[in-house]
């Protein structure tokens, strides 16, 4: 487990007493870890034809939505099944919630309309959001 996921996981567990909320945070962290951070995740969405959506999350203005099916396309059915089993939450719920939260999370992590160059920058910004 990387430093980012270790710290973020501890923060998430303190923030959430709700099992499903904590599971969504951890599933999102797992996604970031598996695909090489924020830029890696965004590249995966662009690869399935969602460049316009990704650009809306990073840029200024409203965030275009994605669907649970898009999440499943990016991470694959096996990953969805693994996360569902890990957290004892149906895969459909995980995909739906990640599709709901991801655009806003990316928007918050890219306040200047640019993806930070390294994980430390992303982590520092994420932690600063917790203080608000």
Foldseek 3Di string as FASTA:
>chain_A
DDPLLVVQLVVLVVVDPDLVSSLLSNLVSVLQVVQPHDVSLLVLLVVVPCVVQSLQLLADDDHDFDALVSVCSSPHPVSLVVSCVVSVHHSNVSSHVCRVCVSNLSNQQRVVSDHDPDPVSSSVSVVVVVVD
